[in-house]
Amino acid sequence: RRNTLPPLEDLYLRVDNMKIHQALRNLLTNSLKFTPKNGKVGVSIRVLRIEESSISVQDAVGALRIEVDDSGAGINEIDQARLFSEFCQFDRNKLQGGGGSGLGLWISKTIVAMHDGHIGCHSKGKGHGSTFFFELPLFICKLAHSTNTSAQNAPLTLPTARIHPFNDDKSDHQSISIVDPATSSMPNYHPLFDIESQQNIVDHSCATEKKPLTFLVVDDSDLNRKIVRRILESDDTICEGVTIIEANDGNVAVDMVREWQREQKHIDFILMDNIMIDLNGPEAAQIIKNELKYSGVIIGITGNALPADINHFLVHGVAEVIVKPIKKKGLLDCLGRYIP
């Protein structure tokens, strides 16, 4: 006998929205990279019964499956077996033009695993395109039955998100959006994750209005801070003017964020070095995210390209990790992914 799913309004995900955005962006970026200009890349989303999914989490009643389908180069069966390994690249010079670090899919796998999810890929072989997907466990939302229970009081290890059918007034499509129950009232949901708006995830060049941004650059090397400052000050494609403040240690960065919050001023981005003399970047990022409840974006910067070092940064709250040496295009592309 098949289990019947509750209404969508009664389901929720245990997710870090920013990290799930990153996992999806990595899949989209990978598909776009290997798909010719006249090809197609699409995103679909659906809800599965638990027996239809690869999820084996206690109390999960179903799964949210997100797929990225492309008409690109395709992948043979042997390569599919190692596709999500660190530093994995295929036909690099022929298909990628020498670009990419081979870490994008591995990072997506790490993020999905952090959420007790499952990630995979299907392809009929070279020349037949590919379908990348990941599944996240769905749970019954107690908030749907109790207006006195807040998301902050729910016994969860990750932030929660509700799912709800989302109708776009400008078109006739219907999609599923993920919303934050702590900030969104019923029934007027604010869509944080509208799959049909994938253009906003991939291409930020369509933004019509740029605003000034404030950056906190944290590094114990004067030279490294100077390099980042020059990159930010020499570019006007991602924002209209920058304010840059600097810290030479993790403890100093924590104090600066605390002081700016006290003065009710906002720091949009923190660029955080990994290893520093007093307090290292991952530990500083964790304090800023968890204790200070920082709502901006922290980008980790490291000279260690080992997967363990990158993963250590990710699990401490950074949105993404850049490997040194810092290059202008790589830094600006990274920042652009987090600017609406």
Protein backbone atom coordinates (compact mmCIF):
# COMPACT_ATOMS: atom_id res chain seq x y z
CA ARG A 1 0.00 0.00 0.00
CA ARG A 2 1.37 3.38 -1.02
CA ASN A 3 1.65 6.10 1.59
CA THR A 4 -0.23 9.31 0.83
CA LEU A 5 1.61 12.59 1.26
CA PRO A 6 0.06 15.32 3.42
CA PRO A 7 -0.86 18.61 1.68
CA LEU A 8 2.17 20.68 0.66
CA GLU A 9 1.24 23.35 3.19
CA ASP A 10 1.84 20.81 5.99
CA LEU A 11 5.40 19.90 4.86
CA TYR A 12 8.72 21.52 5.62
CA LEU A 13 12.43 21.09 4.98
CA ARG A 14 15.31 21.31 7.43
CA VAL A 15 17.66 23.39 5.31
CA ASP A 16 20.26 26.09 5.20
CA ASN A 17 18.75 28.11 2.34
CA MET A 18 22.05 29.68 1.30
CA LYS A 19 23.83 26.34 1.03
CA ILE A 20 20.99 24.71 -0.91
CA HIS A 21 21.08 27.69 -3.30
CA GLN A 22 24.80 27.04 -3.72
CA ALA A 23 24.27 23.33 -4.39
CA LEU A 24 21.72 24.15 -7.10
CA ARG A 25 23.91 26.89 -8.59
CA ASN A 26 26.80 24.45 -8.85
CA LEU A 27 24.65 21.98 -10.79
CA LEU A 28 23.38 24.74 -13.07
CA THR A 29 26.88 26.10 -13.65
CA ASN A 30 28.14 22.62 -14.51
CA SER A 31 25.32 22.01 -17.01
CA LEU A 32 25.76 25.42 -18.63
CA LYS A 33 29.49 24.81 -18.96
CA PHE A 34 29.02 21.58 -20.92
CA THR A 35 26.00 22.62 -23.00
CA PRO A 36 26.47 24.39 -26.37
CA LYS A 37 24.88 27.78 -27.00
CA ASN A 38 22.00 26.27 -28.97
CA GLY A 39 21.36 23.65 -26.29
CA LYS A 40 18.93 23.65 -23.38
CA VAL A 41 19.26 23.62 -19.60
CA GLY A 42 16.12 23.23 -17.51
CA VAL A 43 15.18 22.95 -13.84
CA SER A 44 12.28 20.93 -12.47
CA ILE A 45 11.05 20.22 -8.98
CA ARG A 46 8.64 17.68 -7.57
CA VAL A 47 7.58 16.08 -4.33
CA LEU A 48 8.09 12.32 -3.89
CA ARG A 49 6.60 9.81 -1.51
CA ILE A 50 9.27 8.44 0.79
CA GLU A 51 9.25 5.02 -0.93
CA GLU A 52 9.89 6.70 -4.30
CA SER A 53 13.01 8.48 -3.02
CA SER A 54 16.49 7.53 -1.84
CA ILE A 55 15.91 9.17 1.57
CA SER A 56 16.22 7.04 4.71
CA VAL A 57 15.80 9.59 7.50
CA GLN A 58 13.68 8.93 10.56
CA ASP A 59 10.35 10.83 10.58
CA ALA A 60 10.73 11.88 6.93
CA VAL A 61 7.44 11.48 5.06
CA GLY A 62 8.67 12.31 1.58
CA ALA A 63 11.35 14.07 -0.42
CA LEU A 64 11.73 17.22 -2.47
CA ARG A 65 13.57 16.35 -5.69
CA ILE A 66 15.26 19.07 -7.73
CA GLU A 67 16.56 18.19 -11.19
CA VAL A 68 18.81 20.04 -13.63
CA ASP A 69 18.42 18.61 -17.12
CA ASP A 70 20.69 19.55 -20.02
CA SER A 71 21.22 18.64 -23.67
CA GLY A 72 25.00 18.89 -23.32
CA ALA A 73 27.97 16.58 -23.71
CA GLY A 74 26.63 13.67 -21.66
CA ILE A 75 28.61 11.32 -19.41
CA ASN A 76 29.51 7.67 -19.89
CA GLU A 77 28.78 5.08 -17.20
CA ILE A 78 32.38 4.79 -16.00
CA ASP A 79 32.75 8.54 -15.49
CA GLN A 80 29.39 8.74 -13.69
CA ALA A 81 30.79 6.52 -10.93
CA ARG A 82 33.39 9.15 -9.94
CA LEU A 83 31.51 12.28 -10.98
CA PHE A 84 31.08 13.71 -7.46
CA SER A 85 34.66 13.07 -6.34
CA GLU A 86 36.88 16.00 -5.42
CA PHE A 87 38.91 17.55 -8.28
CA CYS A 88 37.00 15.46 -10.81
CA GLN A 89 37.23 16.78 -14.39
CA PHE A 90 36.55 15.13 -17.76
CA ASP A 91 37.95 16.19 -21.14
CA ARG A 92 39.00 19.42 -19.49
CA ASN A 93 40.73 21.06 -22.42
CA LYS A 94 38.13 19.95 -24.96
CA LEU A 95 34.93 20.71 -23.04
CA GLN A 96 35.82 23.18 -20.30
CA GLY A 97 38.33 25.32 -22.07
CA GLY A 98 40.76 24.85 -19.20
CA GLY A 99 38.34 26.32 -16.63
CA GLY A 100 36.95 25.00 -13.39
CA SER A 101 38.51 23.56 -10.27
CA GLY A 102 36.74 20.20 -10.25
CA LEU A 103 35.21 20.99 -6.85
CA GLY A 104 31.72 22.25 -7.73
CA LEU A 105 29.91 18.91 -7.82
CA TRP A 106 31.84 17.63 -4.81
CA ILE A 107 30.79 20.70 -2.83
CA SER A 108 27.17 20.12 -3.85
CA LYS A 109 27.45 16.51 -2.68
CA THR A 110 28.87 17.68 0.65
CA ILE A 111 26.06 20.20 1.14
CA VAL A 112 23.33 17.69 0.28
CA ALA A 113 24.89 15.11 2.63
CA MET A 114 24.83 17.71 5.42
CA HIS A 115 21.06 17.82 4.93
CA ASP A 116 20.69 14.00 5.00
CA GLY A 117 19.86 14.13 1.30
CA HIS A 118 20.88 12.22 -1.80
CA ILE A 119 22.55 13.48 -4.98
CA GLY A 120 23.09 11.77 -8.31
CA CYS A 121 23.25 11.94 -12.09
CA HIS A 122 21.67 10.07 -15.00
CA SER A 123 22.99 10.07 -18.57
CA LYS A 124 22.66 7.71 -21.51
CA GLY A 125 26.25 8.46 -22.49
CA LYS A 126 28.31 10.90 -24.52
CA GLY A 127 26.21 13.14 -26.73
CA HIS A 128 22.92 12.42 -24.94
CA GLY A 129 22.85 15.11 -22.28
CA SER A 130 22.63 14.64 -18.51
CA THR A 131 20.23 14.99 -15.61
CA PHE A 132 21.67 16.02 -12.24
CA PHE A 133 19.42 15.83 -9.20
CA PHE A 134 19.30 15.94 -5.44
CA GLU A 135 16.64 14.94 -2.95
CA LEU A 136 15.96 16.50 0.46
CA PRO A 137 13.86 14.90 3.19
CA LEU A 138 10.41 16.37 3.93
CA PHE A 139 8.79 16.38 7.35
CA ILE A 140 5.31 17.16 8.65
CA CYS A 141 5.23 20.76 9.80
CA LYS A 142 3.83 21.24 13.30
CA LEU A 143 3.52 24.95 12.57
CA ALA A 144 0.62 24.12 10.27
CA HIS A 145 -1.39 22.93 13.28
CA SER A 146 -0.21 25.31 16.00
CA THR A 147 0.01 29.08 15.66
CA ASN A 148 1.77 29.36 19.04
CA THR A 149 4.85 27.41 17.99
CA SER A 150 7.66 29.41 16.41
CA ALA A 151 10.37 28.10 14.09
CA GLN A 152 12.98 29.12 16.65
CA ASN A 153 11.44 26.81 19.27
CA ALA A 154 11.17 23.79 16.99
CA PRO A 155 13.61 20.98 17.90
CA LEU A 156 15.62 21.18 14.68
CA THR A 157 19.33 21.15 14.03
CA LEU A 158 19.00 23.31 10.91
CA PRO A 159 16.86 26.31 9.96
CA THR A 160 13.44 25.25 8.71
CA ALA A 161 11.67 26.14 5.50
CA ARG A 162 8.07 25.61 4.45
CA ILE A 163 7.08 24.59 0.93
CA HIS A 164 4.00 25.99 -0.74
CA PRO A 165 2.51 26.12 -4.24
CA PHE A 166 3.51 29.45 -5.73
CA ASN A 167 1.55 31.15 -8.50
CA ASP A 168 3.31 33.87 -10.45
CA ASP A 169 0.85 36.63 -11.32
CA LYS A 170 2.91 37.46 -14.42
CA SER A 171 2.56 34.02 -16.00
CA ASP A 172 0.39 30.95 -15.92
CA HIS A 173 2.99 28.59 -14.48
CA GLN A 174 2.87 27.05 -11.02
CA SER A 175 5.96 26.06 -9.10
CA ILE A 176 6.97 25.20 -5.57
CA SER A 177 8.71 27.82 -3.49
CA ILE A 178 10.55 27.43 -0.19
CA VAL A 179 9.80 30.01 2.47
CA ASP A 180 11.11 30.79 5.93
CA PRO A 181 8.32 30.27 8.48
CA ALA A 182 10.01 32.55 11.00
CA THR A 183 9.62 35.60 8.73
CA SER A 184 6.71 34.69 6.46
CA SER A 185 3.11 34.93 7.61
CA MET A 186 0.32 32.70 6.38
CA PRO A 187 -1.10 32.76 3.80
CA ASN A 188 1.00 35.51 2.16
CA TYR A 189 4.20 33.55 1.59
CA HIS A 190 7.32 35.31 0.36
CA PRO A 191 9.09 32.99 -2.12
CA LEU A 192 12.76 32.54 -1.31
CA PHE A 193 13.39 29.69 -3.72
CA ASP A 194 11.20 29.94 -6.82
CA ILE A 195 12.55 27.27 -9.15
CA GLU A 196 10.86 28.86 -12.16
CA SER A 197 13.00 31.97 -11.56
CA GLN A 198 16.21 30.08 -12.34
CA GLN A 199 17.41 32.99 -14.48
CA ASN A 200 17.91 34.94 -11.27
CA ILE A 201 20.11 32.15 -9.92
CA VAL A 202 22.39 31.83 -12.92
CA ASP A 203 22.59 35.21 -14.57
CA HIS A 204 22.97 38.38 -12.51
CA SER A 205 23.66 40.60 -15.49
CA CYS A 206 19.94 41.32 -15.76
CA ALA A 207 19.88 43.24 -12.48
CA THR A 208 18.48 46.71 -13.16
CA GLU A 209 19.66 48.53 -10.07
CA LYS A 210 23.02 48.35 -8.31
CA LYS A 211 23.53 49.53 -4.77
CA PRO A 212 26.58 50.34 -2.63
CA LEU A 213 28.00 47.39 -0.73
CA THR A 214 30.09 47.09 2.41
CA PHE A 215 32.85 44.48 2.65
CA LEU A 216 34.82 43.28 5.66
CA VAL A 217 38.14 41.81 4.49
CA VAL A 218 39.74 39.55 7.11
CA ASP A 219 43.32 38.39 6.59
CA ASP A 220 46.49 38.55 8.67
CA SER A 221 48.49 39.43 5.54
CA ASP A 222 48.60 43.12 4.62
CA LEU A 223 49.40 42.15 1.02
CA ASN A 224 46.39 39.84 0.68
CA ARG A 225 44.04 42.49 2.07
CA LYS A 226 45.49 45.00 -0.37
CA ILE A 227 44.93 42.64 -3.33
CA VAL A 228 41.29 42.09 -2.39
CA ARG A 229 40.77 45.82 -1.84
CA ARG A 230 42.17 46.65 -5.28
CA ILE A 231 39.91 44.10 -6.95
CA LEU A 232 36.80 45.44 -5.20
CA GLU A 233 37.65 49.10 -5.78
CA SER A 234 38.54 48.63 -9.44
CA ASP A 235 35.21 47.07 -10.48
CA ASP A 236 31.78 48.64 -10.86
CA THR A 237 29.89 45.73 -12.45
CA ILE A 238 28.53 44.19 -9.26
CA CYS A 239 27.72 47.26 -7.20
CA GLU A 240 27.60 51.04 -7.22
CA GLY A 241 30.47 51.94 -4.91
CA VAL A 242 32.09 49.97 -2.10
CA THR A 243 32.95 50.55 1.53
CA ILE A 244 35.81 48.35 2.68
CA ILE A 245 36.82 47.74 6.27
CA GLU A 246 39.65 45.43 7.29
CA ALA A 247 40.60 43.11 10.13
CA ASN A 248 43.90 41.29 10.58
CA ASP A 249 42.54 38.50 12.78
CA GLY A 250 39.39 36.51 13.45
CA ASN A 251 38.87 38.03 16.89
CA VAL A 252 39.14 41.53 15.46
CA ALA A 253 36.58 40.60 12.79
CA VAL A 254 34.13 39.34 15.42
CA ASP A 255 34.52 42.56 17.41
CA MET A 256 34.00 44.69 14.28
CA VAL A 257 30.81 42.86 13.30
CA ARG A 258 29.52 43.22 16.86
CA GLU A 259 30.29 46.95 16.85
CA TRP A 260 28.60 47.52 13.47
CA GLN A 261 25.53 45.67 14.71
CA ARG A 262 25.47 47.81 17.83
CA GLU A 263 25.47 50.89 15.60
CA GLN A 264 22.78 49.28 13.42
CA LYS A 265 25.01 49.29 10.36
CA HIS A 266 25.13 46.39 7.92
CA ILE A 267 28.09 44.54 6.40
CA ASP A 268 27.03 42.86 3.15
CA PHE A 269 30.00 40.54 2.66
CA ILE A 270 32.77 39.15 4.85
CA LEU A 271 35.80 37.78 3.00
CA MET A 272 37.43 35.52 5.57
CA ASP A 273 40.93 34.02 5.39
CA ASN A 274 41.39 30.49 6.68
CA ILE A 275 44.49 30.29 8.87
CA MET A 276 45.34 33.32 11.03
CA ILE A 277 47.57 33.87 14.04
CA ASP A 278 44.95 34.12 16.80
CA LEU A 279 41.45 33.02 15.76
CA ASN A 280 41.16 31.12 12.49
CA GLY A 281 38.59 31.89 9.79
CA PRO A 282 36.24 28.90 10.24
CA GLU A 283 35.93 29.49 13.99
CA ALA A 284 35.40 33.23 13.48
CA ALA A 285 32.75 32.51 10.82
CA GLN A 286 30.92 30.19 13.20
CA ILE A 287 30.82 32.82 15.96
CA ILE A 288 29.65 35.53 13.56
CA LYS A 289 26.92 33.32 12.08
CA ASN A 290 25.68 31.50 15.17
CA GLU A 291 26.29 33.89 18.08
CA LEU A 292 25.98 37.26 16.35
CA LYS A 293 23.25 36.03 13.97
CA TYR A 294 24.96 37.73 11.02
CA SER A 295 22.60 37.77 8.02
CA GLY A 296 25.08 38.66 5.28
CA VAL A 297 27.33 36.41 3.21
CA ILE A 298 30.66 35.02 4.40
CA ILE A 299 33.09 33.88 1.69
CA GLY A 300 35.97 31.72 2.84
CA ILE A 301 39.43 32.20 1.33
CA THR A 302 42.07 29.52 1.71
CA GLY A 303 45.44 28.50 0.34
CA ASN A 304 44.61 24.86 1.08
CA ALA A 305 42.71 23.25 -1.80
CA LEU A 306 42.30 19.92 -0.01
CA PRO A 307 38.65 18.83 0.22
CA ALA A 308 38.90 18.41 4.01
CA ASP A 309 39.97 22.05 4.42
CA ILE A 310 37.21 23.34 2.14
CA ASN A 311 34.59 21.22 3.87
CA HIS A 312 35.81 22.42 7.28
CA PHE A 313 35.13 25.98 6.15
CA LEU A 314 31.69 25.12 4.73
CA VAL A 315 30.39 23.39 7.85
CA HIS A 316 31.36 26.45 9.93
CA GLY A 317 28.94 28.71 8.09
CA VAL A 318 30.64 30.16 5.00
CA ALA A 319 28.58 30.24 1.79
CA GLU A 320 31.43 29.41 -0.56
CA VAL A 321 35.21 28.94 -0.55
CA ILE A 322 37.72 30.57 -2.90
CA VAL A 323 41.15 28.97 -3.28
CA LYS A 324 44.20 31.22 -3.45
CA PRO A 325 45.75 32.80 -5.43
CA ILE A 326 42.79 35.16 -5.64
CA LYS A 327 41.87 36.09 -9.20
CA LYS A 328 39.67 39.03 -10.09
CA LYS A 329 37.22 37.10 -12.26
CA GLY A 330 36.86 34.28 -9.76
CA LEU A 331 36.18 36.65 -6.86
CA LEU A 332 33.71 38.82 -8.78
CA ASP A 333 31.87 35.78 -10.18
CA CYS A 334 31.58 34.41 -6.67
CA LEU A 335 30.20 37.68 -5.26
CA GLY A 336 27.82 38.04 -8.18
CA ARG A 337 26.10 34.80 -7.24
CA TYR A 338 24.93 36.37 -3.97
CA ILE A 339 23.87 39.81 -5.22
CA PRO A 340 20.18 39.96 -6.25
